[in-house]
N, C-alpha and C. Protein backbone atom coordinates (compact mmCIF):
# COMPACT_ATOMS: atom_id res chain seq x y z
N MET A 1 -92.03 62.51 -173.84
CA MET A 1 -93.92 63.49 -173.34
C MET A 1 -94.70 62.18 -173.59
N ASN A 2 -95.37 62.42 -172.33
CA ASN A 2 -96.78 61.63 -172.04
C ASN A 2 -97.34 61.99 -171.89
N ALA A 3 -98.80 62.26 -171.97
CA ALA A 3 -99.79 62.73 -172.64
C ALA A 3 -100.87 62.05 -171.44
N LEU A 4 -101.57 62.29 -170.76
CA LEU A 4 -102.46 61.43 -169.47
C LEU A 4 -103.90 61.72 -170.28
N SER A 5 -104.58 60.26 -170.27
CA SER A 5 -105.79 60.36 -170.40
C SER A 5 -106.55 60.79 -169.35
N GLY A 6 -107.56 60.82 -169.30
CA GLY A 6 -108.85 61.28 -168.69
C GLY A 6 -110.12 60.87 -169.17
N MET A 7 -111.15 60.82 -168.05
CA MET A 7 -112.76 60.93 -169.11
C MET A 7 -113.59 61.28 -168.06
N SER A 8 -115.16 61.28 -168.77
CA SER A 8 -115.34 62.85 -167.68
C SER A 8 -115.71 61.91 -166.12
N ASN A 9 -115.57 60.80 -166.04
CA ASN A 9 -116.36 59.87 -165.04
C ASN A 9 -114.99 59.20 -164.50
N LEU A 10 -114.13 60.14 -164.06
CA LEU A 10 -112.62 58.92 -163.65
C LEU A 10 -113.11 57.96 -162.44
N ARG A 11 -112.51 57.12 -162.85
CA ARG A 11 -112.61 56.15 -162.03
C ARG A 11 -111.51 56.18 -160.85
N LEU A 12 -112.23 56.58 -159.45
CA LEU A 12 -111.06 56.71 -158.27
C LEU A 12 -110.88 55.55 -157.65
N GLY A 13 -109.61 54.75 -157.22
CA GLY A 13 -109.34 53.69 -156.55
C GLY A 13 -108.10 54.86 -155.23
N VAL A 14 -108.85 54.42 -153.61
CA VAL A 14 -108.25 55.76 -153.03
C VAL A 14 -107.51 54.40 -151.64
N LEU A 15 -106.63 54.64 -151.56
CA LEU A 15 -105.38 53.98 -150.15
C LEU A 15 -105.32 55.07 -149.40
N ALA A 16 -105.71 54.80 -148.27
CA ALA A 16 -105.71 54.64 -147.38
C ALA A 16 -105.64 54.66 -145.48
N SER A 17 -105.04 55.14 -145.07
CA SER A 17 -104.49 54.40 -143.62
C SER A 17 -105.54 54.68 -142.59
N GLY A 18 -105.76 56.25 -142.67
CA GLY A 18 -106.41 56.99 -141.41
C GLY A 18 -107.63 57.81 -141.44
N ARG A 19 -107.65 58.70 -140.91
CA ARG A 19 -109.04 59.62 -140.42
C ARG A 19 -109.61 60.12 -141.90
N GLY A 20 -108.80 59.79 -143.07
CA GLY A 20 -109.31 59.95 -144.33
C GLY A 20 -110.40 60.93 -144.86
N SER A 21 -109.23 62.34 -144.43
CA SER A 21 -110.05 63.98 -144.09
C SER A 21 -109.93 64.48 -145.64
N ASN A 22 -108.73 63.61 -146.25
CA ASN A 22 -108.90 64.34 -147.47
C ASN A 22 -109.27 63.59 -148.35
N LEU A 23 -109.92 62.21 -148.02
CA LEU A 23 -110.80 61.34 -148.54
C LEU A 23 -112.10 62.14 -148.69
N GLN A 24 -112.17 62.77 -147.46
CA GLN A 24 -113.77 62.93 -146.97
C GLN A 24 -113.88 64.24 -148.21
N ALA A 25 -112.88 65.15 -149.22
CA ALA A 25 -112.91 66.32 -149.21
C ALA A 25 -112.94 65.95 -150.73
N ILE A 26 -112.49 65.03 -151.07
CA ILE A 26 -112.60 64.37 -152.71
C ILE A 26 -114.30 64.19 -152.97
N ILE A 27 -114.73 62.80 -151.62
CA ILE A 27 -116.20 62.77 -151.85
C ILE A 27 -117.10 63.90 -152.01
N ASP A 28 -117.06 64.94 -150.97
CA ASP A 28 -117.41 66.19 -151.29
C ASP A 28 -117.18 66.90 -152.14
N ALA A 29 -116.33 67.31 -153.33
CA ALA A 29 -116.07 67.37 -154.31
C ALA A 29 -116.94 67.11 -155.27
N ILE A 30 -117.07 65.79 -155.14
CA ILE A 30 -117.83 64.60 -155.91
C ILE A 30 -119.11 65.39 -156.06
N ASP A 31 -119.70 64.95 -154.93
CA ASP A 31 -121.19 65.53 -154.29
C ASP A 31 -121.23 66.94 -154.89
N GLN A 32 -120.95 67.63 -155.34
CA GLN A 32 -120.82 69.02 -155.10
C GLN A 32 -120.87 68.75 -156.56
N ARG A 33 -120.63 68.17 -157.24
CA ARG A 33 -119.93 68.79 -158.93
C ARG A 33 -119.00 69.09 -159.50
N ARG A 34 -117.98 69.34 -158.32
CA ARG A 34 -116.93 70.07 -158.45
C ARG A 34 -115.74 69.14 -159.22
N LEU A 35 -115.66 67.37 -158.87
CA LEU A 35 -114.95 66.33 -160.07
C LEU A 35 -115.48 65.78 -160.26
N ASN A 36 -115.12 65.74 -161.46
CA ASN A 36 -116.39 64.81 -162.29
C ASN A 36 -115.50 63.11 -161.99
N ALA A 37 -115.96 62.72 -161.59
CA ALA A 37 -114.75 61.50 -160.75
C ALA A 37 -116.30 60.44 -160.00
N VAL A 38 -115.91 59.28 -160.21
CA VAL A 38 -116.65 58.48 -159.14
C VAL A 38 -115.64 57.64 -158.52
N LEU A 39 -115.98 57.48 -156.62
CA LEU A 39 -115.46 56.84 -156.10
C LEU A 39 -115.72 55.28 -156.61
N ALA A 40 -114.54 54.54 -156.98
CA ALA A 40 -114.64 52.93 -157.15
C ALA A 40 -114.46 52.63 -156.17
N VAL A 41 -113.31 52.66 -155.20
CA VAL A 41 -112.90 51.49 -154.19
C VAL A 41 -111.90 52.48 -153.09
N VAL A 42 -112.22 51.99 -152.03
CA VAL A 42 -111.37 52.94 -151.30
C VAL A 42 -110.35 51.10 -150.14
N ILE A 43 -109.46 51.31 -150.47
CA ILE A 43 -108.83 50.16 -149.65
C ILE A 43 -107.80 50.70 -148.28
N SER A 44 -107.16 49.83 -147.35
CA SER A 44 -106.80 50.56 -146.23
C SER A 44 -106.12 49.18 -145.80
N ASN A 45 -105.03 49.51 -145.31
CA ASN A 45 -103.99 48.66 -144.99
C ASN A 45 -104.63 48.08 -143.17
N LYS A 46 -105.07 49.64 -142.56
CA LYS A 46 -105.80 48.90 -141.19
C LYS A 46 -107.11 48.60 -141.02
N ALA A 47 -107.97 48.24 -140.57
CA ALA A 47 -109.06 47.80 -140.42
C ALA A 47 -110.39 48.40 -139.43
N ASP A 48 -109.73 49.57 -138.85
CA ASP A 48 -109.95 50.11 -137.83
C ASP A 48 -109.90 50.96 -138.51
N ALA A 49 -109.52 52.05 -139.88
CA ALA A 49 -109.84 52.67 -140.32
C ALA A 49 -110.20 54.05 -140.60
N PRO A 50 -110.56 55.17 -139.94
CA PRO A 50 -111.95 56.02 -139.90
C PRO A 50 -112.16 56.17 -141.54
N ALA A 51 -111.23 56.50 -142.69
CA ALA A 51 -111.39 56.70 -143.99
C ALA A 51 -112.68 55.12 -144.36
N LEU A 52 -112.31 54.12 -144.06
CA LEU A 52 -113.23 53.03 -144.90
C LEU A 52 -114.63 53.34 -144.15
N GLU A 53 -114.95 53.85 -143.36
CA GLU A 53 -116.47 54.16 -142.57
C GLU A 53 -117.12 55.13 -143.46
N ARG A 54 -115.86 56.29 -143.78
CA ARG A 54 -116.52 57.63 -144.73
C ARG A 54 -116.98 56.77 -145.57
N ALA A 55 -116.05 55.78 -146.83
CA ALA A 55 -116.24 55.24 -148.21
C ALA A 55 -117.47 54.32 -147.51
N ARG A 56 -117.90 54.11 -146.70
CA ARG A 56 -118.92 53.19 -146.89
C ARG A 56 -120.22 54.01 -146.37
N ARG A 57 -120.13 55.55 -145.61
CA ARG A 57 -121.19 55.82 -145.90
C ARG A 57 -121.84 56.58 -147.12
N CYS A 58 -120.66 56.38 -147.91
CA CYS A 58 -121.42 57.30 -149.43
C CYS A 58 -121.85 56.10 -149.78
N GLY A 59 -121.70 54.66 -150.24
CA GLY A 59 -121.64 53.52 -150.10
C GLY A 59 -120.72 53.42 -151.59
N THR A 60 -119.59 53.95 -150.88
CA THR A 60 -117.97 52.70 -151.55
C THR A 60 -117.88 51.64 -151.69
N PRO A 61 -117.23 50.69 -152.00
CA PRO A 61 -116.75 49.23 -151.15
C PRO A 61 -115.49 50.06 -150.72
N ALA A 62 -115.35 49.31 -149.47
CA ALA A 62 -114.48 49.66 -148.18
C ALA A 62 -113.89 48.54 -147.75
N ILE A 63 -112.52 48.40 -148.64
CA ILE A 63 -112.06 46.86 -148.36
C ILE A 63 -110.64 47.12 -147.72
N PHE A 64 -110.48 46.35 -146.24
CA PHE A 64 -109.24 46.08 -145.70
C PHE A 64 -108.55 44.76 -146.27
N LEU A 65 -107.35 45.05 -146.19
CA LEU A 65 -106.30 44.38 -147.10
C LEU A 65 -105.51 43.96 -146.10
N ASP A 66 -105.60 43.03 -145.05
CA ASP A 66 -104.27 42.93 -144.02
C ASP A 66 -102.76 42.56 -144.62
N PRO A 67 -102.38 43.75 -144.24
CA PRO A 67 -100.71 43.43 -144.61
C PRO A 67 -99.80 41.90 -144.30
N LYS A 68 -100.93 41.39 -142.68
CA LYS A 68 -99.86 40.35 -142.43
C LYS A 68 -100.20 38.64 -143.04
N ALA A 69 -101.42 38.90 -144.13
CA ALA A 69 -101.75 37.61 -144.98
C ALA A 69 -100.99 37.81 -146.25
N THR A 70 -100.21 38.66 -146.56
CA THR A 70 -99.22 38.51 -147.47
C THR A 70 -97.67 38.15 -146.90
N SER A 71 -97.19 37.91 -147.68
CA SER A 71 -95.33 37.35 -147.72
C SER A 71 -94.64 38.69 -147.83
N GLY A 72 -95.13 39.57 -147.84
CA GLY A 72 -93.96 40.73 -148.23
C GLY A 72 -94.68 41.99 -148.97
N ARG A 73 -94.09 42.79 -148.80
CA ARG A 73 -94.79 44.55 -149.32
C ARG A 73 -95.18 44.58 -150.96
N GLU A 74 -93.86 43.24 -151.93
CA GLU A 74 -94.44 43.21 -153.33
C GLU A 74 -95.57 42.39 -153.50
N ALA A 75 -95.66 41.51 -152.41
CA ALA A 75 -96.95 40.74 -152.85
C ALA A 75 -98.61 41.00 -151.73
N TYR A 76 -98.03 42.19 -150.69
CA TYR A 76 -99.15 43.02 -150.47
C TYR A 76 -99.62 43.69 -151.71
N ASP A 77 -98.75 44.06 -152.45
CA ASP A 77 -99.03 45.43 -153.35
C ASP A 77 -100.16 44.77 -154.85
N GLY A 78 -99.29 43.60 -154.74
CA GLY A 78 -100.73 42.63 -155.52
C GLY A 78 -101.59 42.57 -155.72
N ALA A 79 -102.03 42.73 -154.28
CA ALA A 79 -103.40 42.16 -154.00
C ALA A 79 -103.82 43.13 -154.27
N ILE A 80 -103.32 44.82 -153.34
CA ILE A 80 -103.65 45.79 -154.06
C ILE A 80 -104.27 46.16 -155.72
N LEU A 81 -103.38 45.64 -156.53
CA LEU A 81 -103.19 45.89 -157.67
C LEU A 81 -104.71 44.59 -158.21
N GLU A 82 -104.76 43.90 -157.91
CA GLU A 82 -105.96 42.79 -158.34
C GLU A 82 -107.43 43.80 -157.93
N CYS A 83 -107.51 44.01 -156.76
CA CYS A 83 -108.17 44.77 -156.34
C CYS A 83 -108.79 46.18 -156.99
N LEU A 84 -107.68 46.54 -157.35
CA LEU A 84 -107.84 48.25 -157.66
C LEU A 84 -108.52 47.92 -159.41
N ARG A 85 -107.63 46.81 -160.17
CA ARG A 85 -108.34 46.39 -161.52
C ARG A 85 -109.79 45.71 -161.84
N LYS A 86 -109.76 45.14 -160.51
CA LYS A 86 -111.48 44.22 -160.23
C LYS A 86 -112.07 45.81 -160.41
N HIS A 87 -112.17 46.66 -159.85
CA HIS A 87 -113.06 48.05 -159.93
C HIS A 87 -112.75 48.88 -160.75
N ASP A 88 -112.09 48.69 -161.40
CA ASP A 88 -111.41 49.09 -163.10
C ASP A 88 -110.97 50.88 -162.57
N VAL A 89 -110.31 50.66 -162.04
CA VAL A 89 -109.49 52.51 -160.86
C VAL A 89 -108.71 52.49 -162.36
N GLU A 90 -108.72 53.98 -162.50
CA GLU A 90 -108.47 54.59 -163.74
C GLU A 90 -106.95 55.40 -162.94
N LEU A 91 -107.29 55.88 -162.06
CA LEU A 91 -106.38 56.94 -160.83
C LEU A 91 -106.34 56.50 -159.90
N VAL A 92 -105.06 56.03 -159.31
CA VAL A 92 -105.16 56.24 -157.42
C VAL A 92 -104.33 56.73 -156.85
N VAL A 93 -105.27 57.82 -155.28
CA VAL A 93 -105.05 58.37 -155.20
C VAL A 93 -104.68 57.76 -153.53
N LEU A 94 -103.62 58.33 -153.01
CA LEU A 94 -103.01 58.14 -152.03
C LEU A 94 -103.75 59.68 -150.86
N ALA A 95 -104.30 59.04 -149.82
CA ALA A 95 -104.80 60.21 -149.10
C ALA A 95 -104.54 59.16 -147.17
N GLY A 96 -103.47 59.80 -147.09
CA GLY A 96 -102.85 59.36 -145.46
C GLY A 96 -102.28 57.86 -145.57
N TYR A 97 -101.52 57.73 -146.31
CA TYR A 97 -101.78 55.69 -146.58
C TYR A 97 -100.33 55.91 -146.35
N MET A 98 -99.85 55.01 -144.81
CA MET A 98 -98.55 54.81 -144.44
C MET A 98 -98.17 53.53 -144.22
N LYS A 99 -98.34 53.45 -145.72
CA LYS A 99 -97.20 52.29 -146.60
C LYS A 99 -96.44 52.91 -147.56
N ILE A 100 -94.57 52.82 -148.04
CA ILE A 100 -94.20 52.80 -149.05
C ILE A 100 -94.92 52.20 -150.35
N VAL A 101 -95.09 52.33 -151.09
CA VAL A 101 -95.47 51.81 -152.35
C VAL A 101 -94.59 51.07 -153.44
N THR A 102 -94.39 49.98 -154.14
CA THR A 102 -93.52 48.99 -154.60
C THR A 102 -93.23 49.32 -156.20
N PRO A 103 -92.68 48.82 -156.73
CA PRO A 103 -93.09 49.04 -158.92
C PRO A 103 -94.33 48.06 -159.09
N ILE A 104 -94.37 47.38 -157.85
CA ILE A 104 -95.55 46.51 -158.47
C ILE A 104 -97.29 47.19 -158.99
N LEU A 105 -96.90 48.15 -157.88
CA LEU A 105 -98.18 49.51 -158.12
C LEU A 105 -97.64 50.61 -159.59
N LEU A 106 -96.79 50.70 -158.74
CA LEU A 106 -96.09 52.45 -159.13
C LEU A 106 -96.01 51.71 -161.53
N ASP A 107 -95.33 50.46 -161.20
CA ASP A 107 -95.33 50.20 -162.89
C ASP A 107 -96.86 50.24 -163.41
N ALA A 108 -97.26 49.71 -163.00
CA ALA A 108 -99.22 49.48 -163.52
C ALA A 108 -99.67 51.12 -163.62
N TYR A 109 -99.49 51.91 -162.54
CA TYR A 109 -100.11 52.68 -162.66
C TYR A 109 -99.16 53.89 -162.44
N SER A 110 -98.34 53.93 -163.44
CA SER A 110 -97.46 54.85 -163.86
C SER A 110 -97.84 56.60 -164.19
N ASN A 111 -97.71 57.28 -163.67
CA ASN A 111 -98.28 58.61 -164.06
C ASN A 111 -99.73 58.53 -163.96
N ARG A 112 -100.24 57.30 -163.12
CA ARG A 112 -101.70 58.08 -163.09
C ARG A 112 -101.91 57.32 -161.37
N MET A 113 -100.93 57.21 -160.33
CA MET A 113 -101.06 57.75 -159.31
C MET A 113 -100.75 58.95 -158.08
N MET A 114 -101.60 59.80 -157.36
CA MET A 114 -101.10 60.76 -156.91
C MET A 114 -101.54 60.77 -155.54
N ASN A 115 -100.03 61.91 -154.80
CA ASN A 115 -100.32 62.09 -153.25
C ASN A 115 -100.56 63.05 -152.68
N ILE A 116 -100.85 63.16 -151.75
CA ILE A 116 -100.40 64.68 -151.42
C ILE A 116 -99.74 65.12 -149.75
N HIS A 117 -98.21 65.70 -150.10
CA HIS A 117 -97.60 66.01 -148.80
C HIS A 117 -97.64 67.17 -148.41
N PRO A 118 -97.90 67.18 -146.25
CA PRO A 118 -97.83 68.50 -146.36
C PRO A 118 -96.61 69.47 -146.20
N SER A 119 -96.13 70.00 -147.15
CA SER A 119 -95.02 70.71 -147.95
C SER A 119 -94.56 71.26 -148.80
N LEU A 120 -93.89 71.83 -149.24
CA LEU A 120 -93.35 72.69 -150.56
C LEU A 120 -92.79 71.84 -151.04
N LEU A 121 -92.58 70.53 -151.87
CA LEU A 121 -91.86 69.95 -152.12
C LEU A 121 -90.91 70.35 -152.77
N PRO A 122 -89.62 70.54 -153.65
CA PRO A 122 -88.75 69.43 -152.79
C PRO A 122 -88.40 69.51 -151.50
N SER A 123 -89.02 70.46 -150.49
CA SER A 123 -88.33 70.81 -148.60
C SER A 123 -89.30 69.78 -148.57
N PHE A 124 -88.44 69.29 -147.05
CA PHE A 124 -89.33 68.65 -145.99
C PHE A 124 -90.08 67.34 -146.16
N PRO A 125 -89.60 66.47 -147.37
CA PRO A 125 -90.03 65.05 -147.46
C PRO A 125 -90.06 64.02 -146.39
N GLY A 126 -90.97 63.05 -146.54
CA GLY A 126 -91.21 62.02 -145.25
C GLY A 126 -91.76 63.03 -144.50
N LEU A 127 -91.44 62.31 -143.04
CA LEU A 127 -92.64 62.35 -141.80
C LEU A 127 -92.18 63.51 -141.06
N ALA A 128 -93.51 64.15 -140.41
CA ALA A 128 -93.85 65.32 -139.49
C ALA A 128 -92.81 66.29 -140.74
N ALA A 129 -93.15 66.82 -141.48
CA ALA A 129 -92.99 67.62 -142.34
C ALA A 129 -93.40 68.64 -141.86
N GLN A 130 -94.42 68.85 -141.31
CA GLN A 130 -94.82 70.66 -140.63
C GLN A 130 -93.94 70.88 -139.31
N ARG A 131 -93.13 69.81 -138.46
CA ARG A 131 -92.02 70.06 -137.38
C ARG A 131 -91.05 70.25 -138.07
N GLN A 132 -90.65 69.63 -139.16
CA GLN A 132 -89.32 70.08 -140.22
C GLN A 132 -89.26 71.51 -140.91
N ALA A 133 -90.32 71.90 -140.68
CA ALA A 133 -90.96 73.44 -141.09
C ALA A 133 -90.17 74.56 -140.09
N LEU A 134 -90.99 73.88 -139.31
CA LEU A 134 -90.79 74.95 -138.20
C LEU A 134 -89.22 75.24 -137.14
N GLU A 135 -89.31 73.82 -137.62
CA GLU A 135 -87.68 73.67 -137.14
C GLU A 135 -87.00 74.76 -137.79
N TRP A 136 -86.59 74.47 -139.02
CA TRP A 136 -86.45 75.30 -140.61
C TRP A 136 -86.45 77.21 -140.20
N GLY A 137 -86.87 77.09 -139.25
CA GLY A 137 -88.13 79.03 -139.15
C GLY A 137 -87.86 79.14 -141.20
N VAL A 138 -88.62 78.35 -141.38
CA VAL A 138 -89.56 79.01 -142.85
C VAL A 138 -90.35 80.00 -142.21
N LYS A 139 -90.97 80.81 -143.31
CA LYS A 139 -91.37 82.04 -143.60
C LYS A 139 -93.46 81.30 -144.02
N MET A 140 -92.63 80.89 -145.57
CA MET A 140 -93.82 80.24 -145.86
C MET A 140 -93.75 78.75 -145.95
N ALA A 141 -95.27 77.75 -145.85
CA ALA A 141 -95.21 76.58 -145.77
C ALA A 141 -96.37 76.21 -146.44
N GLY A 142 -97.05 75.40 -146.81
CA GLY A 142 -97.69 74.74 -147.45
C GLY A 142 -98.21 73.05 -147.70
N CYS A 143 -98.39 72.70 -149.35
CA CYS A 143 -99.04 71.49 -149.69
C CYS A 143 -98.44 71.00 -151.14
N THR A 144 -98.25 69.87 -151.56
CA THR A 144 -97.69 69.62 -152.48
C THR A 144 -98.72 68.12 -152.74
N VAL A 145 -99.40 68.67 -154.74
CA VAL A 145 -100.30 67.10 -154.80
C VAL A 145 -98.92 66.92 -155.72
N HIS A 146 -98.25 65.53 -156.22
CA HIS A 146 -97.60 64.65 -156.92
C HIS A 146 -97.90 64.23 -157.82
N PHE A 147 -97.17 63.59 -158.60
CA PHE A 147 -97.76 61.51 -158.90
C PHE A 147 -95.96 61.02 -158.36
N VAL A 148 -96.40 59.67 -158.07
CA VAL A 148 -96.02 58.54 -156.91
C VAL A 148 -95.04 58.21 -157.76
N THR A 149 -93.59 58.20 -157.40
CA THR A 149 -92.56 57.45 -158.16
C THR A 149 -92.18 56.68 -156.66
N GLU A 150 -90.53 56.15 -157.40
CA GLU A 150 -90.16 55.23 -155.89
C GLU A 150 -89.50 56.35 -154.79
N GLY A 151 -89.02 57.67 -155.37
CA GLY A 151 -88.58 58.16 -154.61
C GLY A 151 -89.44 58.72 -153.73
N VAL A 152 -89.57 58.77 -151.86
CA VAL A 152 -90.40 59.47 -151.21
C VAL A 152 -90.47 60.84 -151.19
N ASP A 153 -91.74 60.72 -152.50
CA ASP A 153 -92.19 62.47 -151.74
C ASP A 153 -91.14 63.03 -152.97
N ALA A 154 -90.96 62.32 -154.00
CA ALA A 154 -89.92 62.70 -155.54
C ALA A 154 -90.12 62.95 -156.26
N GLY A 155 -92.14 63.02 -156.71
CA GLY A 155 -92.47 62.22 -158.20
C GLY A 155 -92.58 63.85 -158.56
N PRO A 156 -92.96 63.76 -159.84
CA PRO A 156 -93.25 65.30 -160.72
C PRO A 156 -93.86 66.12 -159.47
N ILE A 157 -94.42 67.22 -159.66
CA ILE A 157 -95.04 68.37 -159.01
C ILE A 157 -96.16 68.68 -159.88
N ILE A 158 -97.59 68.78 -159.62
CA ILE A 158 -98.86 68.93 -160.07
C ILE A 158 -98.92 70.27 -159.62
N ARG A 159 -99.58 70.30 -158.59
CA ARG A 159 -100.21 71.70 -157.76
C ARG A 159 -99.22 71.81 -156.20
N GLN A 160 -99.31 73.41 -156.11
CA GLN A 160 -98.64 73.43 -154.80
C GLN A 160 -99.35 74.29 -154.18
N ALA A 161 -99.59 74.63 -152.91
CA ALA A 161 -100.43 75.92 -152.51
C ALA A 161 -99.31 76.48 -151.12
N THR A 162 -99.53 77.70 -150.46
CA THR A 162 -98.53 78.14 -149.45
C THR A 162 -99.80 78.51 -148.69
N VAL A 163 -99.12 78.16 -147.65
CA VAL A 163 -99.49 79.25 -146.40
C VAL A 163 -98.42 79.88 -145.90
N PRO A 164 -98.63 81.30 -144.64
CA PRO A 164 -98.36 81.54 -144.09
C PRO A 164 -97.53 80.83 -142.65
N VAL A 165 -96.67 81.10 -142.14
CA VAL A 165 -96.07 80.29 -141.05
C VAL A 165 -95.85 81.56 -139.79
N TYR A 166 -96.36 81.45 -138.67
CA TYR A 166 -96.64 81.90 -137.61
C TYR A 166 -95.61 81.93 -136.50
N GLU A 167 -95.04 83.34 -135.75
CA GLU A 167 -94.11 83.38 -134.58
C GLU A 167 -94.65 82.78 -133.71
N ASP A 168 -95.80 83.14 -133.36
CA ASP A 168 -96.70 81.95 -132.40
C ASP A 168 -96.78 80.16 -132.78
N ASP A 169 -96.79 79.73 -133.79
CA ASP A 169 -97.18 78.25 -134.76
C ASP A 169 -96.71 77.38 -134.14
N THR A 170 -97.47 76.42 -133.21
CA THR A 170 -97.19 75.18 -133.41
C THR A 170 -97.06 74.05 -134.59
N GLU A 171 -97.06 73.01 -133.76
CA GLU A 171 -96.90 71.94 -135.38
C GLU A 171 -98.34 71.55 -135.22
N GLU A 172 -99.07 71.51 -134.31
CA GLU A 172 -100.55 71.49 -134.32
C GLU A 172 -101.44 72.53 -135.65
N SER A 173 -100.72 73.80 -135.39
CA SER A 173 -101.83 75.18 -135.98
C SER A 173 -101.21 75.14 -137.29
N LEU A 174 -100.23 75.01 -137.44
CA LEU A 174 -99.17 75.23 -138.64
C LEU A 174 -99.89 73.64 -139.71
N SER A 175 -99.92 72.72 -138.72
CA SER A 175 -101.07 71.28 -139.48
C SER A 175 -102.33 71.32 -140.04
N ALA A 176 -102.67 72.10 -139.17
CA ALA A 176 -104.41 72.75 -139.65
C ALA A 176 -104.81 73.46 -140.72
N ARG A 177 -103.38 74.94 -140.62
CA ARG A 177 -103.40 75.82 -141.90
C ARG A 177 -103.21 75.22 -143.26
N ILE A 178 -102.53 74.09 -143.25
CA ILE A 178 -102.45 73.66 -144.25
C ILE A 178 -103.53 72.14 -145.35
N LEU A 179 -104.23 71.91 -143.76
CA LEU A 179 -105.13 70.87 -144.43
C LEU A 179 -105.98 71.48 -145.01
N LEU A 180 -106.45 72.57 -144.67
CA LEU A 180 -107.22 73.45 -145.21
C LEU A 180 -106.80 73.35 -146.77
N GLU A 181 -105.73 73.49 -146.88
CA GLU A 181 -105.74 74.02 -148.36
C GLU A 181 -105.38 72.49 -149.27
N GLU A 182 -105.30 71.82 -148.71
CA GLU A 182 -104.72 70.26 -148.77
C GLU A 182 -106.26 69.72 -149.18
N HIS A 183 -107.17 69.87 -148.99
CA HIS A 183 -108.54 69.50 -148.67
C HIS A 183 -108.98 70.53 -150.09
N ARG A 184 -108.67 71.43 -150.06
CA ARG A 184 -108.76 72.38 -151.62
C ARG A 184 -108.52 72.15 -152.65
N LEU A 185 -106.97 71.46 -152.55
CA LEU A 185 -106.07 71.78 -153.93
C LEU A 185 -105.81 69.77 -154.34
N TYR A 186 -106.16 68.90 -153.74
CA TYR A 186 -106.07 67.89 -153.87
C TYR A 186 -107.27 67.21 -155.68
N PRO A 187 -108.63 68.07 -154.48
CA PRO A 187 -109.41 67.48 -155.89
C PRO A 187 -109.33 68.15 -156.97
N GLU A 188 -109.51 70.01 -156.86
CA GLU A 188 -108.61 70.36 -157.95
C GLU A 188 -107.72 69.88 -158.54
N ALA A 189 -106.53 69.17 -158.39
CA ALA A 189 -105.72 68.70 -159.41
C ALA A 189 -106.11 66.91 -159.89
N ILE A 190 -106.72 66.63 -158.83
CA ILE A 190 -107.72 65.12 -159.96
C ILE A 190 -108.46 65.89 -160.96
N GLN A 191 -109.17 67.07 -161.07
CA GLN A 191 -109.94 67.33 -162.00
C GLN A 191 -109.13 67.58 -163.22
N LEU A 192 -108.57 68.08 -162.43
CA LEU A 192 -107.08 68.37 -163.84
C LEU A 192 -106.56 67.34 -164.63
N TYR A 193 -106.42 66.13 -164.15
CA TYR A 193 -106.57 64.78 -164.64
C TYR A 193 -107.47 64.93 -165.31
N ALA A 194 -108.82 64.66 -164.08
CA ALA A 194 -109.83 63.68 -165.35
C ALA A 194 -110.47 64.77 -166.43
N GLU A 195 -109.59 65.82 -166.77
CA GLU A 195 -110.14 66.60 -167.99
C GLU A 195 -108.85 66.91 -168.92
N ASN A 196 -108.11 65.80 -168.51
CA ASN A 196 -106.84 65.29 -169.48
C ASN A 196 -105.67 66.79 -169.74
N ARG A 197 -105.77 67.31 -168.65
CA ARG A 197 -105.21 68.67 -168.56
C ARG A 197 -103.40 68.49 -168.00
N LEU A 198 -103.15 67.52 -167.73
CA LEU A 198 -102.05 67.24 -167.50
C LEU A 198 -101.27 66.37 -168.19
N LEU A 199 -99.84 67.39 -168.83
CA LEU A 199 -99.42 66.26 -169.30
C LEU A 199 -97.96 66.69 -168.93
N VAL A 200 -96.78 65.41 -168.77
CA VAL A 200 -95.78 64.79 -168.06
C VAL A 200 -94.33 65.14 -168.85
N GLU A 201 -93.65 66.23 -169.20
CA GLU A 201 -92.73 66.17 -169.20
C GLU A 201 -91.25 65.66 -168.76
N GLY A 202 -91.10 64.38 -168.27
CA GLY A 202 -89.24 64.58 -167.20
C GLY A 202 -90.02 64.72 -165.87
N ARG A 203 -89.13 66.14 -165.34
CA ARG A 203 -89.84 65.76 -163.98
C ARG A 203 -91.02 67.51 -164.03
N ARG A 204 -91.16 67.52 -164.97
CA ARG A 204 -91.96 69.10 -165.67
C ARG A 204 -93.95 68.31 -165.48
N VAL A 205 -95.11 69.23 -164.92
CA VAL A 205 -96.31 68.59 -164.93
C VAL A 205 -96.45 69.93 -165.30
N ARG A 206 -97.00 69.76 -166.59
CA ARG A 206 -97.29 70.97 -167.61
C ARG A 206 -98.98 70.96 -167.29
N ILE A 207 -99.62 72.27 -166.96
CA ILE A 207 -100.99 72.61 -167.26
C ILE A 207 -101.48 72.80 -168.30
N ARG A 208 -102.43 72.35 -169.44
CA ARG A 208 -103.12 72.72 -170.50
C ARG A 208 -104.00 72.79 -170.48
């Protein structure tokens, strides 16, 4: 049994590869005082990631770390870890981060690294989850916030939200509906951590 620690001003480090819409939801939640946290650093493996510009606009250190400048995945995660520690990051948040995380980071931030995935895990892990849901003909889809482990989208589940799947849905329309729930759910899950209300018991995350 592992009690998770949190602080009133939780220091977040965000890893992002793309547009950063979930990052923006976190920034907005902090600004609106729905999330008791400070955005300590945003790191990207893409030099032109819009997420970096979102970070710069709110005065957060925005750092591009070039994967080609290191000798492999573990060396790259070692560079990320050094940066996270430099900025005193307590919780790592993946926001559209398109790289597999190695044990270098997982061991350093065990039960202190979150991800959000656009499906009701354990259904439809990996890429194109919305397309998988439509191909299977499910009636409900959604999103999941979970702690990150070595398995792809396999960590203990923190929170989930559902959305209906309509007969005329496309991958784009379903994705847009799920994304609205992601923007609500992710800051809520991070706030639970900040309030020291998450307890990991094996595969279960209990909210106290």
